Amino acid sequence: MRGQCEMQAIGAAAVNQAVKALVVARGFLEAEGLQLVFVPSFLDLDVEGLERTAVSFHVRSREEPRPLLTPDP
């Protein structure tokens, strides 16, 4: 499906940079009328024989932005 990808990061610094990149990308895409949505999850990987835990970000665009919730008057 078009309009989606997955990004993985291992380690606190990499996860921090990945989240920053997603937030910046979301700002750029909002100016184009697209809403970027990302859902994080944990992933166990084998890196050179060692088991590592990564954070996986499932990223997609939402065609129709959802309205913000407003409090009742």
C-alpha atoms as a PDB file:
ATOM      1  CA  MET A   1       0.000   0.000   0.000  1.00  0.00           C
ATOM      2  CA  ARG A   2       1.280   3.462  -0.847  1.00  0.00           C
ATOM      3  CA  GLY A   3       1.690   6.072   1.818  1.00  0.00           C
ATOM      4  CA  GLN A   4       3.183   3.881   4.521  1.00  0.00           C
ATOM      5  CA  CYS A   5       6.563   2.681   5.743  1.00  0.00           C
ATOM      6  CA  GLU A   6       8.296   1.191   8.762  1.00  0.00           C
ATOM      7  CA  MET A   7      11.291   2.660  10.567  1.00  0.00           C
ATOM      8  CA  GLN A   8      13.333   0.824  13.212  1.00  0.00           C
ATOM      9  CA  ALA A   9      15.730   2.220  15.801  1.00  0.00           C
ATOM     10  CA  ILE A  10      18.007   0.457  18.294  1.00  0.00           C
ATOM     11  CA  GLY A  11      19.214   2.353  21.365  1.00  0.00           C
ATOM     12  CA  ALA A  12      17.973   5.387  23.236  1.00  0.00           C
ATOM     13  CA  ALA A  13      19.778   7.960  21.090  1.00  0.00           C
ATOM     14  CA  ALA A  14      18.539   6.392  17.844  1.00  0.00           C
ATOM     15  CA  VAL A  15      14.954   6.226  19.116  1.00  0.00           C
ATOM     16  CA  ASN A  16      15.175   9.877  20.208  1.00  0.00           C
ATOM     17  CA  GLN A  17      16.427  10.942  16.751  1.00  0.00           C
ATOM     18  CA  ALA A  18      13.757   8.842  15.009  1.00  0.00           C
ATOM     19  CA  VAL A  19      10.978  10.500  17.007  1.00  0.00           C
ATOM     20  CA  LYS A  20      12.422  13.962  16.274  1.00  0.00           C
ATOM     21  CA  ALA A  21      12.557  13.132  12.553  1.00  0.00           C
ATOM     22  CA  LEU A  22       8.934  11.963  12.582  1.00  0.00           C
ATOM     23  CA  VAL A  23       7.785  15.128  14.339  1.00  0.00           C
ATOM     24  CA  VAL A  24       9.643  17.348  11.847  1.00  0.00           C
ATOM     25  CA  ALA A  25       8.264  15.347   8.898  1.00  0.00           C
ATOM     26  CA  ARG A  26       4.773  15.630  10.326  1.00  0.00           C
ATOM     27  CA  GLY A  27       5.110  19.424  10.395  1.00  0.00           C
ATOM     28  CA  PHE A  28       6.250  19.565   6.764  1.00  0.00           C
ATOM     29  CA  LEU A  29       3.464  17.263   5.588  1.00  0.00           C
ATOM     30  CA  GLU A  30       0.767  19.185   7.473  1.00  0.00           C
ATOM     31  CA  ALA A  31       1.666  22.193   5.331  1.00  0.00           C
ATOM     32  CA  GLU A  32       0.848  20.010   2.299  1.00  0.00           C
ATOM     33  CA  GLY A  33      -2.505  18.954   3.742  1.00  0.00           C
ATOM     34  CA  LEU A  34      -1.400  15.466   4.827  1.00  0.00           C
ATOM     35  CA  GLN A  35      -1.479  14.085   8.328  1.00  0.00           C
ATOM     36  CA  LEU A  36       1.349  11.743   9.333  1.00  0.00           C
ATOM     37  CA  VAL A  37       0.484   9.029  11.861  1.00  0.00           C
ATOM     38  CA  PHE A  38       2.994   6.733  13.543  1.00  0.00           C
ATOM     39  CA  VAL A  39       2.495   3.838  15.922  1.00  0.00           C
ATOM     40  CA  PRO A  40       5.491   2.559  17.929  1.00  0.00           C
ATOM     41  CA  SER A  41       6.003  -1.082  18.920  1.00  0.00           C
ATOM     42  CA  PHE A  42       8.846  -3.190  20.323  1.00  0.00           C
ATOM     43  CA  LEU A  43      10.734  -5.642  18.143  1.00  0.00           C
ATOM     44  CA  ASP A  44      13.335  -8.292  19.089  1.00  0.00           C
ATOM     45  CA  LEU A  45      16.202  -8.506  16.573  1.00  0.00           C
ATOM     46  CA  ASP A  46      19.314 -10.649  16.181  1.00  0.00           C
ATOM     47  CA  VAL A  47      22.290  -8.354  15.622  1.00  0.00           C
ATOM     48  CA  GLU A  48      25.573 -10.217  15.110  1.00  0.00           C
ATOM     49  CA  GLY A  49      24.367 -13.089  17.290  1.00  0.00           C
ATOM     50  CA  LEU A  50      23.075 -10.866  20.085  1.00  0.00           C
ATOM     51  CA  GLU A  51      19.396 -10.335  20.795  1.00  0.00           C
ATOM     52  CA  ARG A  52      18.543  -6.630  20.797  1.00  0.00           C
ATOM     53  CA  THR A  53      15.281  -4.846  21.420  1.00  0.00           C
ATOM     54  CA  ALA A  54      14.380  -2.204  18.874  1.00  0.00           C
ATOM     55  CA  VAL A  55      11.527   0.222  18.534  1.00  0.00           C
ATOM     56  CA  SER A  56       9.641  -0.075  15.275  1.00  0.00           C
ATOM     57  CA  PHE A  57       7.572   2.842  13.996  1.00  0.00           C
ATOM     58  CA  HIS A  58       4.741   2.021  11.603  1.00  0.00           C
ATOM     59  CA  VAL A  59       4.265   5.247   9.652  1.00  0.00           C
ATOM     60  CA  ARG A  60       1.414   6.142   7.323  1.00  0.00           C
ATOM     61  CA  SER A  61      -0.442   9.133   6.023  1.00  0.00           C
ATOM     62  CA  ARG A  62      -4.031   9.849   6.882  1.00  0.00           C
ATOM     63  CA  GLU A  63      -5.904  11.348   3.954  1.00  0.00           C
ATOM     64  CA  GLU A  64      -8.654  13.051   5.937  1.00  0.00           C
ATOM     65  CA  PRO A  65      -7.449  14.809   9.071  1.00  0.00           C
ATOM     66  CA  ARG A  66      -9.542  14.038  12.129  1.00  0.00           C
ATOM     67  CA  PRO A  67     -11.047  17.086  13.815  1.00  0.00           C
ATOM     68  CA  LEU A  68      -9.643  18.012  17.200  1.00  0.00           C
ATOM     69  CA  LEU A  69     -11.883  17.268  20.147  1.00  0.00           C
ATOM     70  CA  THR A  70     -13.460  20.361  21.611  1.00  0.00           C
ATOM     71  CA  PRO A  71     -14.871  20.554  25.122  1.00  0.00           C
ATOM     72  CA  ASP A  72     -18.630  20.828  25.538  1.00  0.00           C
ATOM     73  CA  PRO A  73     -19.806  24.374  26.327  1.00  0.00           C
END
